[in-house]
Amino acid sequence: MSHPRPATVGQLKETGYQPSTVKDELRRNVIRKLRAGEELFPGIVGYRDSVIPQIVNGILSKHDLLFLGLRGQAKTRILRLLPTLLDEWIPVLAGPEINDDPLAPMTKTGKRLIAEQGDDATIEWVHRSDRYQEKLATPDVTIADLIGEIDLVKHAEGRYLSDESTMHYGLIPRSNRGIFAINELPDLAPRIQVGLFNVLEERDVQIRGYPIRLNLDVCLVFSANPEDYTNRGRIVTPLKDRIGSVIRTHYPETVDEGIRVTKENAWLNRDKENSASGVTVEMPAFMSEVVEEVVRLARQSPHVSQASGVSVRTSIANAEVVASNAERRGIMTGEERVVPRICDLNFLVASCRGKIEMTLAEEDGAEDKLIQSLVGEAVKAVFNKMTRGQDFEAISEQFEGNLTFPAGDDLNAKEFVANMKAIKPLDKAAQSLTKTLNLDASDPATLASVGEFILEGLYVNNRLSKYNAKGKTFFKR
C-alpha cells in the first residue's frame, strides 16, 4: 500500500495538513459516506434501521460507545469495522513510542524533536488498520496492561521517575490517535474500571501517581452482555455515566435476515473445485429455513435461558453440520452431487450442544431432548407454512396396509426416488411441491429431499409414525 509522499514536517506543512482529533476524523468520514450513500458497515445484516442509526448518532456526537447485547449479535464485528471510518493514512513523528502528531506533539520526546529539528523532523505514515487495538477483558487485566507502568530498567539508567521516558506505556496510550476497544467490559475488575475514569472524562493518564500526564487522543469503544451485569460482573455506575452512547444490538428480526447472515458466514460452498471430497452440496431454501427456525424457536422457548440468548453462531454451525452430513452421505454412496435432507437434521444435536443454555439443570440428556424437540417443531412450522391448503390424506392412506418407507443416510437419492415412485400420491406430491418451491423436479437429489420433507411433515403433524431399526429410519402409519 502506497502512503503519501511527505517525509518531513516541512514537506507535510506544504500539503496544507491540519491536525485533527480521532473523533473529528470519524465524524468527517461518516458525514462524507452518508452524503455519498455508501454503506457504513458492509456485511452487517438487519441493523440498517435500528442499530446503525444509533452508531451514526454516537459518532456525530463524538461519543465513546458501548455496544450492549447478547452473544452472537455482531458486537465485535462492528467494533472491528470502525477503523474503516478513519482516514486511510495519518502522519506521525518518527521517534516517540506512541503516535504523535507532527504539528501538535503531545509527548516530551515529540516536543523535543520539533524544538531541535524543526521542519526537518522525520515523519512516518500509519495506515488505519494499525490504529485499532482490542483487549478482551478478563479478571487478571491490570492497570499496567491498559495504562502503563514504570520501567525500572530505564529508572536504573538514571532517569527521574517523573520523566515520561521512564514509562512503559500500556495499550491505551499506544492507541493514541486511534480506536481502543475493550470486549466484555463487565469482566474487568471494578478497580480497573475506575482507572478508566480519567481517560474517558479528562483524556489523560497518570501512572503510579506520578505527575505524568498524556493528553490522549483516543476513541474508546466497549462491548458488554446484559447478563454480565448480574452474573459475572457489572459495569460500575460512574464508568457507565462517562460513556457517551450505549447502543443496543439484537438478533435478526426476520427469517430472511437470519438465513442471509448464515449464508454469508457459514462454510456452505462445497463443490468439486474447493472440496477434497469431490462432492457438491447444494442447500435448498426450505432446509435453510428449517435450520434458521430451530434457533428462532429456541429464542422463544421457556426451557431456554433467554438472558443468555441463542447466538447466531448456532445457526451457522447447524448449517455447516447439515451440509457436512449430506457431503458424508455423498462420499459413502458415491454420489457426486447431494442435496441435504431431513435425515441430516439428526446431527444438529452436536452443533447445538453448549450453545443453548437451559433454564434449569435437569437430568442427563435433557439438552439433547430439547434440541430434538426444537428440530421437530421447526420442521412442523416450515412444512405447514409451505404446504398451507394442500391435502396429503392420500399419502397417509397408502400406509394403512402395514406399508413402511425406508429413509435415512444409507439411501442415495436415486434409491429414495425409486421408492417414492412406488407410492404414487407421494411421488405426485413431491413433484408438485418441488415446482411450488421453484426447484428442479427432474433432479433426483432435490426430489428426494422434498419427498423426505413431506414424510417428516406428516410425521410431526401426527399423520404418520416413524421408527429406527439397526441405524435405519422407517416411516409407517
Protein backbone atom coordinates (compact mmCIF):
# COMPACT_ATOMS: atom_id res chain seq x y z
CA MET A 1 0.00 0.00 0.00
CA SER A 2 1.47 3.33 -1.03
CA HIS A 3 1.30 6.16 1.50
CA PRO A 4 1.51 9.93 0.92
CA ARG A 5 4.95 11.22 -0.08
CA PRO A 6 5.89 13.88 2.54
CA ALA A 7 8.74 12.60 4.70
CA THR A 8 9.46 15.64 6.89
CA VAL A 9 7.42 18.10 8.92
CA GLY A 10 8.25 20.86 6.44
CA GLN A 11 7.01 18.84 3.47
CA LEU A 12 3.87 17.96 5.42
CA LYS A 13 3.14 21.66 6.10
CA GLU A 14 3.36 22.37 2.37
CA THR A 15 0.44 19.99 1.73
CA GLY A 16 -1.84 22.12 3.94
CA TYR A 17 -2.20 19.35 6.53
CA GLN A 18 -4.08 20.36 9.68
CA PRO A 19 -4.17 18.33 12.93
CA SER A 20 -7.49 16.60 13.64
CA THR A 21 -8.71 14.53 16.57
CA VAL A 22 -9.79 10.92 16.06
CA LYS A 23 -13.42 11.71 16.81
CA ASP A 24 -13.42 14.65 14.38
CA GLU A 25 -11.90 12.32 11.80
CA LEU A 26 -14.59 9.68 12.38
CA ARG A 27 -17.29 12.32 12.23
CA ARG A 28 -15.94 13.82 8.99
CA ASN A 29 -15.72 10.44 7.23
CA VAL A 30 -19.19 9.35 8.39
CA ILE A 31 -20.67 12.57 7.01
CA ARG A 32 -18.87 12.01 3.71
CA LYS A 33 -20.11 8.41 3.43
CA LEU A 34 -23.68 9.37 4.33
CA ARG A 35 -23.73 12.07 1.64
CA ALA A 36 -22.30 9.65 -0.92
CA GLY A 37 -24.81 6.94 0.01
CA GLU A 38 -22.01 4.49 0.88
CA GLU A 39 -22.56 1.51 3.15
CA LEU A 40 -21.02 2.22 6.55
CA PHE A 41 -20.75 -1.34 7.84
CA PRO A 42 -20.62 -3.84 4.95
CA GLY A 43 -21.60 -7.37 5.91
CA ILE A 44 -23.75 -6.33 8.88
CA VAL A 45 -27.29 -7.58 8.19
CA GLY A 46 -30.55 -6.39 9.77
CA TYR A 47 -29.20 -3.32 11.57
CA ARG A 48 -29.83 -0.70 8.87
CA ASP A 49 -32.83 0.92 10.57
CA SER A 50 -32.13 0.04 14.19
CA VAL A 51 -28.51 -0.22 15.33
CA ILE A 52 -26.59 1.68 12.63
CA PRO A 53 -28.51 4.96 13.17
CA GLN A 54 -27.55 4.76 16.87
CA ILE A 55 -23.89 4.29 15.93
CA VAL A 56 -24.00 7.20 13.48
CA ASN A 57 -25.57 9.47 16.09
CA GLY A 58 -22.90 8.48 18.60
CA ILE A 59 -20.09 9.23 16.14
CA LEU A 60 -21.66 12.53 15.08
CA SER A 61 -21.87 13.41 18.80
CA LYS A 62 -18.18 12.47 19.24
CA HIS A 63 -19.09 9.94 21.93
CA ASP A 64 -17.31 6.92 23.30
CA LEU A 65 -19.54 3.91 22.57
CA LEU A 66 -20.74 0.84 24.44
CA PHE A 67 -22.34 -1.98 22.43
CA LEU A 68 -24.75 -3.81 24.69
CA GLY A 69 -26.26 -7.08 23.52
CA LEU A 70 -26.47 -10.84 23.88
CA ARG A 71 -23.84 -13.17 22.48
CA GLY A 72 -23.64 -13.55 18.74
CA GLN A 73 -25.12 -10.15 17.87
CA ALA A 74 -22.16 -8.87 15.80
CA LYS A 75 -20.83 -6.54 18.52
CA THR A 76 -17.18 -7.44 17.97
CA ARG A 77 -17.59 -7.41 14.20
CA ILE A 78 -18.91 -3.84 14.34
CA LEU A 79 -16.04 -2.80 16.62
CA ARG A 80 -13.55 -4.15 14.09
CA LEU A 81 -15.25 -2.27 11.24
CA LEU A 82 -14.93 1.11 12.98
CA PRO A 83 -11.35 1.66 11.69
CA THR A 84 -12.76 1.72 8.13
CA LEU A 85 -14.26 5.09 9.09
CA LEU A 86 -10.79 6.56 9.77
CA ASP A 87 -8.58 8.34 7.22
CA GLU A 88 -6.54 5.80 5.28
CA TRP A 89 -3.21 7.31 6.35
CA ILE A 90 -2.09 9.73 9.07
CA PRO A 91 1.38 11.25 9.63
CA VAL A 92 3.20 10.66 12.92
CA LEU A 93 6.56 11.80 14.24
CA ALA A 94 9.33 9.23 13.88
CA GLY A 95 10.84 8.66 17.32
CA PRO A 96 8.17 8.70 20.05
CA GLU A 97 6.88 5.31 21.24
CA ILE A 98 3.30 6.36 20.67
CA ASN A 99 1.69 8.02 17.65
CA ASP A 100 2.35 11.74 18.00
CA ASP A 101 1.00 14.41 15.65
CA PRO A 102 3.87 16.20 13.80
CA LEU A 103 2.21 19.63 14.09
CA ALA A 104 0.76 19.21 17.59
CA PRO A 105 3.06 16.83 19.53
CA MET A 106 1.85 15.61 22.90
CA THR A 107 4.85 13.75 24.29
CA LYS A 108 8.03 15.35 25.63
CA THR A 109 10.02 13.36 23.09
CA GLY A 110 7.90 14.74 20.26
CA LYS A 111 8.15 18.30 21.51
CA ARG A 112 11.92 17.96 21.85
CA LEU A 113 12.25 16.63 18.30
CA ILE A 114 10.32 19.59 16.92
CA ALA A 115 12.32 22.05 19.04
CA GLU A 116 15.66 20.57 17.90
CA GLN A 117 14.94 19.68 14.25
CA GLY A 118 12.03 21.93 13.31
CA ASP A 119 10.75 21.34 9.79
CA ASP A 120 13.48 18.73 9.19
CA ALA A 121 11.96 16.33 11.73
CA THR A 122 11.17 13.00 10.09
CA ILE A 123 7.62 11.73 9.85
CA GLU A 124 6.15 8.30 9.20
CA TRP A 125 2.75 7.25 7.84
CA VAL A 126 0.42 4.93 9.74
CA HIS A 127 -2.37 3.02 7.99
CA ARG A 128 -5.83 2.95 9.57
CA SER A 129 -5.60 -0.83 10.03
CA ASP A 130 -2.79 -0.19 12.54
CA ARG A 131 -4.81 2.35 14.51
CA TYR A 132 -7.16 -0.15 16.15
CA GLN A 133 -6.28 -2.03 19.31
CA GLU A 134 -8.52 -4.54 21.07
CA LYS A 135 -8.35 -6.15 24.51
CA LEU A 136 -10.56 -8.93 25.86
CA ALA A 137 -11.44 -8.02 29.44
CA THR A 138 -10.51 -10.72 31.93
CA PRO A 139 -10.25 -10.54 35.74
CA ASP A 140 -6.43 -10.64 35.54
CA VAL A 141 -6.10 -7.47 33.42
CA THR A 142 -4.11 -4.82 35.30
CA ILE A 143 -3.78 -1.06 35.14
CA ALA A 144 -0.25 -1.63 33.83
CA ASP A 145 -1.71 -3.53 30.85
CA LEU A 146 -4.08 -0.71 29.97
CA ILE A 147 -2.36 2.49 31.13
CA GLY A 148 1.29 1.64 31.74
CA GLU A 149 3.94 1.05 34.35
CA ILE A 150 7.30 2.42 35.45
CA ASP A 151 10.17 0.70 33.64
CA LEU A 152 12.68 0.09 36.43
CA VAL A 153 15.47 -0.60 33.93
CA LYS A 154 15.06 2.89 32.47
CA HIS A 155 14.90 4.33 36.01
CA ALA A 156 18.11 2.50 36.91
CA GLU A 157 19.78 4.18 33.94
CA GLY A 158 19.41 7.45 35.82
CA ARG A 159 16.12 8.89 34.57
CA TYR A 160 13.74 10.54 37.03
CA LEU A 161 10.51 8.78 37.93
CA SER A 162 8.61 11.90 36.92
CA ASP A 163 10.14 11.72 33.43
CA GLU A 164 7.73 10.11 30.98
CA SER A 165 10.68 8.41 29.28
CA THR A 166 10.86 6.05 32.28
CA MET A 167 7.38 4.77 31.44
CA HIS A 168 6.44 1.57 29.66
CA TYR A 169 3.16 2.57 28.02
CA GLY A 170 0.08 0.35 28.15
CA LEU A 171 -2.40 -0.41 25.40
CA ILE A 172 -4.47 2.77 25.70
CA PRO A 173 -1.57 5.26 25.32
CA ARG A 174 -0.23 3.13 22.46
CA SER A 175 -3.64 3.57 20.79
CA ASN A 176 -3.19 7.35 20.73
CA ARG A 177 -4.74 8.84 17.57
CA GLY A 178 -6.71 5.64 17.09
CA ILE A 179 -9.51 3.44 18.45
CA PHE A 180 -9.18 1.22 21.52
CA ALA A 181 -11.78 -1.47 22.17
CA ILE A 182 -12.45 -3.47 25.34
CA ASN A 183 -14.51 -6.59 24.76
CA GLU A 184 -16.75 -7.90 27.59
CA LEU A 185 -16.28 -4.82 29.76
CA PRO A 186 -18.12 -6.20 32.85
CA ASP A 187 -15.43 -8.87 33.23
CA LEU A 188 -12.94 -6.10 34.01
CA ALA A 189 -12.35 -5.82 37.76
CA PRO A 190 -14.14 -2.77 39.27
CA ARG A 191 -10.86 -1.21 40.44
CA ILE A 192 -9.54 -1.39 36.86
CA GLN A 193 -12.74 0.15 35.53
CA VAL A 194 -12.19 3.03 37.97
CA GLY A 195 -8.77 3.51 36.36
CA LEU A 196 -10.53 4.37 33.11
CA PHE A 197 -12.39 7.36 34.60
CA ASN A 198 -9.69 9.91 33.75
CA VAL A 199 -9.18 8.50 30.27
CA LEU A 200 -12.87 8.80 29.46
CA GLU A 201 -13.54 12.16 31.07
CA GLU A 202 -10.29 14.16 31.05
CA ARG A 203 -8.47 12.24 28.28
CA ASP A 204 -5.28 11.98 30.32
CA VAL A 205 -3.50 9.26 32.27
CA GLN A 206 -1.50 9.12 35.47
CA ILE A 207 0.94 6.32 36.19
CA ARG A 208 1.72 5.27 39.76
CA GLY A 209 0.55 8.65 41.00
CA TYR A 210 3.44 10.50 39.38
CA PRO A 211 2.63 13.81 37.69
CA ILE A 212 2.98 12.41 34.19
CA ARG A 213 0.07 13.43 32.05
CA LEU A 214 -0.60 12.40 28.47
CA ASN A 215 -3.40 14.31 26.81
CA LEU A 216 -4.58 11.32 24.82
CA ASP A 217 -6.47 11.50 21.55
CA VAL A 218 -8.28 8.16 21.51
CA CYS A 219 -11.81 6.89 20.88
CA LEU A 220 -12.79 4.23 23.42
CA VAL A 221 -15.38 1.62 22.49
CA PHE A 222 -16.67 -1.29 24.55
CA SER A 223 -18.87 -4.37 24.26
CA ALA A 224 -20.91 -5.97 27.03
CA ASN A 225 -23.58 -8.60 27.58
CA PRO A 226 -26.57 -7.52 29.72
CA GLU A 227 -26.39 -10.83 31.56
CA ASP A 228 -22.95 -9.89 32.83
CA TYR A 229 -24.35 -7.06 34.94
CA THR A 230 -25.69 -9.60 37.45
CA ASN A 231 -23.94 -12.92 36.87
CA ARG A 232 -20.24 -12.47 36.18
CA GLY A 233 -19.67 -8.82 36.95
CA ARG A 234 -21.02 -5.38 36.32
CA ILE A 235 -20.05 -2.05 34.84
CA VAL A 236 -19.51 0.39 37.68
CA THR A 237 -22.05 3.20 37.56
CA PRO A 238 -19.60 6.14 37.25
CA LEU A 239 -17.98 4.46 34.26
CA LYS A 240 -21.35 3.98 32.53
CA ASP A 241 -22.04 7.63 33.19
CA ARG A 242 -18.89 8.61 31.29
CA ILE A 243 -19.71 6.54 28.18
CA GLY A 244 -21.49 8.79 25.70
CA SER A 245 -23.81 6.33 23.90
CA VAL A 246 -24.98 2.85 24.85
CA ILE A 247 -26.11 1.02 21.70
CA ARG A 248 -28.43 -2.00 21.96
CA THR A 249 -27.97 -4.77 19.44
CA HIS A 250 -30.43 -7.55 18.60
CA TYR A 251 -30.82 -10.85 16.78
CA PRO A 252 -32.09 -10.97 13.16
CA GLU A 253 -35.71 -9.81 13.20
CA THR A 254 -36.87 -11.86 10.20
CA VAL A 255 -36.21 -15.37 8.91
CA ASP A 256 -34.77 -13.97 5.67
CA GLU A 257 -32.26 -11.83 7.58
CA GLY A 258 -31.21 -14.83 9.68
CA ILE A 259 -30.74 -17.00 6.59
CA ARG A 260 -28.70 -14.27 4.91
CA VAL A 261 -26.42 -13.94 7.94
CA THR A 262 -25.91 -17.72 7.98
CA LYS A 263 -25.17 -17.95 4.26
CA GLU A 264 -22.65 -15.12 4.45
CA ASN A 265 -20.77 -16.63 7.39
CA ALA A 266 -21.16 -20.42 7.15
CA TRP A 267 -18.91 -22.61 5.02
CA LEU A 268 -21.51 -23.98 2.66
CA ASN A 269 -19.66 -23.70 -0.64
CA ARG A 270 -18.87 -27.40 -1.06
CA ASP A 271 -18.19 -28.29 -4.67
CA LYS A 272 -15.70 -30.31 -6.67
CA GLU A 273 -13.37 -27.34 -7.11
CA ASN A 274 -12.89 -26.42 -3.43
CA SER A 275 -13.67 -29.65 -1.60
CA ALA A 276 -11.35 -32.63 -1.33
CA SER A 277 -14.34 -34.97 -1.17
CA GLY A 278 -15.31 -34.30 -4.77
CA VAL A 279 -18.94 -33.99 -3.66
CA THR A 280 -21.01 -30.92 -4.48
CA VAL A 281 -23.55 -29.91 -1.82
CA GLU A 282 -26.49 -27.67 -2.71
CA MET A 283 -28.63 -26.43 0.17
CA PRO A 284 -32.31 -25.92 -0.77
CA ALA A 285 -34.09 -22.85 0.60
CA PHE A 286 -36.59 -24.84 2.70
CA MET A 287 -33.74 -26.62 4.54
CA SER A 288 -32.07 -23.27 5.24
CA GLU A 289 -35.36 -22.05 6.67
CA VAL A 290 -35.70 -25.11 8.91
CA VAL A 291 -32.17 -24.55 10.24
CA GLU A 292 -32.99 -20.91 10.99
CA GLU A 293 -36.34 -21.81 12.54
CA VAL A 294 -34.63 -24.10 15.07
CA VAL A 295 -32.75 -21.13 16.52
CA ARG A 296 -35.76 -18.79 16.36
CA LEU A 297 -37.84 -21.31 18.33
CA ALA A 298 -35.02 -21.67 20.86
CA ARG A 299 -35.10 -17.89 21.41
CA GLN A 300 -38.78 -18.21 22.37
CA SER A 301 -38.65 -21.44 24.37
CA PRO A 302 -39.39 -21.28 28.12
CA HIS A 303 -36.85 -24.07 28.58
CA VAL A 304 -34.01 -21.92 27.20
CA SER A 305 -32.34 -19.13 29.18
CA GLN A 306 -33.30 -16.02 27.26
CA ALA A 307 -30.94 -13.96 29.43
CA SER A 308 -28.05 -15.83 27.81
CA GLY A 309 -29.58 -15.74 24.34
CA VAL A 310 -29.02 -18.11 21.44
CA SER A 311 -26.16 -16.92 19.29
CA VAL A 312 -26.26 -16.50 15.52
CA ARG A 313 -23.24 -18.79 15.62
CA THR A 314 -25.68 -21.62 16.41
CA SER A 315 -27.40 -21.19 13.04
CA ILE A 316 -24.02 -21.02 11.31
CA ALA A 317 -22.73 -24.20 12.96
CA ASN A 318 -26.03 -26.00 12.30
CA ALA A 319 -25.99 -25.14 8.60
CA GLU A 320 -22.40 -26.37 8.30
CA VAL A 321 -23.24 -29.67 10.03
CA VAL A 322 -26.26 -30.25 7.78
CA ALA A 323 -24.09 -29.64 4.70
CA SER A 324 -21.33 -31.85 6.09
CA ASN A 325 -23.63 -34.79 6.79
CA ALA A 326 -25.05 -34.54 3.27
CA GLU A 327 -21.46 -34.48 1.99
CA ARG A 328 -20.64 -37.55 4.10
CA ARG A 329 -23.61 -39.36 2.60
CA GLY A 330 -22.40 -38.47 -0.88
CA ILE A 331 -18.93 -39.81 -0.11
CA MET A 332 -20.33 -43.11 1.22
CA THR A 333 -22.93 -43.62 -1.55
CA GLY A 334 -20.66 -42.49 -4.37
CA GLU A 335 -22.84 -39.53 -5.38
CA GLU A 336 -21.06 -36.54 -6.89
CA ARG A 337 -23.87 -34.11 -6.05
CA VAL A 338 -26.11 -34.17 -2.98
CA VAL A 339 -28.94 -32.09 -1.57
CA PRO A 340 -29.38 -32.04 2.25
CA ARG A 341 -32.41 -33.95 3.52
CA ILE A 342 -34.39 -34.09 6.76
CA CYS A 343 -32.28 -37.03 7.98
CA ASP A 344 -29.30 -34.65 8.11
CA LEU A 345 -31.04 -32.67 10.86
CA ASN A 346 -30.50 -35.59 13.26
CA PHE A 347 -26.93 -34.41 13.70
CA LEU A 348 -27.78 -30.87 14.86
CA VAL A 349 -27.54 -32.09 18.46
CA ALA A 350 -23.74 -31.95 18.21
CA SER A 351 -23.64 -28.40 16.83
CA CYS A 352 -26.24 -27.10 19.31
CA ARG A 353 -24.74 -28.56 22.47
CA GLY A 354 -23.34 -25.84 24.70
CA LYS A 355 -24.87 -23.08 22.59
CA ILE A 356 -28.39 -23.42 24.00
CA GLU A 357 -28.42 -22.83 27.75
CA MET A 358 -31.34 -24.40 29.58
CA THR A 359 -33.19 -22.57 32.35
CA LEU A 360 -32.93 -25.49 34.79
CA ALA A 361 -30.22 -28.06 35.36
CA GLU A 362 -32.19 -31.16 34.51
CA GLU A 363 -31.26 -34.84 34.14
CA ASP A 364 -28.59 -36.05 31.74
CA GLY A 365 -29.75 -35.94 28.15
CA ALA A 366 -32.28 -33.17 28.74
CA GLU A 367 -30.34 -30.83 26.47
CA ASP A 368 -30.32 -33.35 23.61
CA LYS A 369 -34.05 -33.99 24.02
CA LEU A 370 -34.75 -30.26 23.92
CA ILE A 371 -32.71 -29.85 20.73
CA GLN A 372 -34.52 -32.75 19.05
CA SER A 373 -37.85 -31.26 20.10
CA LEU A 374 -36.87 -27.89 18.65
CA VAL A 375 -35.87 -29.52 15.35
CA GLY A 376 -39.25 -31.28 15.16
CA GLU A 377 -41.14 -28.06 15.87
CA ALA A 378 -39.06 -26.23 13.25
CA VAL A 379 -39.86 -28.81 10.57
CA LYS A 380 -43.54 -28.60 11.52
CA ALA A 381 -43.63 -24.80 11.32
CA VAL A 382 -41.86 -24.62 7.95
CA PHE A 383 -43.81 -27.54 6.45
CA ASN A 384 -47.19 -26.15 7.48
CA LYS A 385 -46.27 -22.72 6.13
CA MET A 386 -45.06 -24.02 2.77
CA THR A 387 -47.91 -26.52 2.24
CA ARG A 388 -50.79 -24.47 3.61
CA GLY A 389 -54.04 -25.62 1.96
CA GLN A 390 -52.59 -28.81 0.46
CA ASP A 391 -54.15 -32.19 1.24
CA PHE A 392 -51.85 -35.15 1.89
CA GLU A 393 -54.52 -37.59 3.06
CA ALA A 394 -53.95 -39.79 0.02
CA ILE A 395 -50.36 -40.38 1.14
CA SER A 396 -51.44 -41.36 4.66
CA GLU A 397 -53.97 -43.80 3.26
CA GLN A 398 -51.21 -45.61 1.33
CA PHE A 399 -49.57 -46.52 4.65
CA GLU A 400 -52.65 -48.20 6.14
CA GLY A 401 -51.73 -51.66 4.90
CA ASN A 402 -48.58 -52.08 7.05
CA LEU A 403 -46.53 -50.26 4.43
CA THR A 404 -43.14 -49.00 5.61
CA PHE A 405 -40.99 -46.50 3.76
CA PRO A 406 -37.19 -46.57 4.29
CA ALA A 407 -35.37 -43.27 4.71
CA GLY A 408 -32.03 -42.18 6.12
CA ASP A 409 -28.33 -41.77 5.39
CA ASP A 410 -27.84 -45.17 3.78
CA LEU A 411 -30.09 -44.36 0.80
CA ASN A 412 -28.81 -42.39 -2.14
CA ALA A 413 -31.12 -40.02 -3.98
CA LYS A 414 -31.95 -42.38 -6.85
CA GLU A 415 -32.94 -45.20 -4.48
CA PHE A 416 -35.08 -42.81 -2.47
CA VAL A 417 -36.87 -41.56 -5.60
CA ALA A 418 -37.38 -45.11 -6.85
CA ASN A 419 -39.06 -45.99 -3.55
CA MET A 420 -41.25 -42.89 -3.84
CA LYS A 421 -42.46 -43.86 -7.27
CA ALA A 422 -43.98 -46.99 -5.70
CA ILE A 423 -46.26 -44.65 -3.71
CA LYS A 424 -47.89 -42.62 -6.44
CA PRO A 425 -49.56 -39.99 -4.17
CA LEU A 426 -46.17 -39.32 -2.52
CA ASP A 427 -44.36 -39.06 -5.85
CA LYS A 428 -47.04 -36.73 -7.22
CA ALA A 429 -47.00 -34.55 -4.09
CA ALA A 430 -43.20 -34.34 -4.16
CA GLN A 431 -43.21 -33.33 -7.83
CA SER A 432 -45.84 -30.66 -7.14
CA LEU A 433 -44.16 -29.22 -4.03
CA THR A 434 -40.77 -29.18 -5.75
CA LYS A 435 -42.19 -27.00 -8.51
CA THR A 436 -44.01 -24.80 -5.96
CA LEU A 437 -40.65 -24.21 -4.23
CA ASN A 438 -39.10 -23.25 -7.59
CA LEU A 439 -36.79 -26.25 -7.53
CA ASP A 440 -35.89 -28.71 -10.29
CA ALA A 441 -38.39 -31.59 -10.19
CA SER A 442 -36.31 -33.59 -12.66
CA ASP A 443 -33.33 -33.70 -10.29
CA PRO A 444 -33.35 -36.90 -8.13
CA ALA A 445 -31.35 -35.31 -5.27
CA THR A 446 -33.81 -32.40 -4.99
CA LEU A 447 -36.85 -34.64 -5.37
CA ALA A 448 -35.58 -36.97 -2.64
CA SER A 449 -35.04 -34.01 -0.31
CA VAL A 450 -38.57 -32.69 -0.89
CA GLY A 451 -40.07 -36.20 -0.59
CA GLU A 452 -38.48 -36.76 2.81
CA PHE A 453 -39.62 -33.26 3.84
CA ILE A 454 -43.22 -34.29 3.09
CA LEU A 455 -42.91 -37.56 5.03
CA GLU A 456 -41.37 -35.78 8.02
CA GLY A 457 -44.05 -33.08 7.79
CA LEU A 458 -46.75 -35.75 8.03
CA TYR A 459 -44.91 -37.33 10.94
CA VAL A 460 -44.62 -34.13 13.00
CA ASN A 461 -48.31 -33.48 12.32
CA ASN A 462 -49.19 -36.97 13.67
CA ARG A 463 -50.32 -38.30 10.30
CA LEU A 464 -47.55 -40.90 10.14
CA SER A 465 -45.26 -42.56 12.64
CA LYS A 466 -41.52 -43.16 12.45
CA TYR A 467 -39.14 -45.66 14.00
CA ASN A 468 -35.47 -46.55 13.86
CA ALA A 469 -34.12 -50.07 13.44
CA LYS A 470 -30.45 -51.04 13.11
CA GLY A 471 -29.49 -47.46 12.39
CA LYS A 472 -32.10 -47.07 9.66
CA THR A 473 -35.23 -44.89 9.66
CA PHE A 474 -38.66 -46.06 8.53
CA PHE A 475 -41.99 -44.24 8.12
CA LYS A 476 -45.25 -46.11 8.65
CA ARG A 477 -48.87 -45.45 9.58
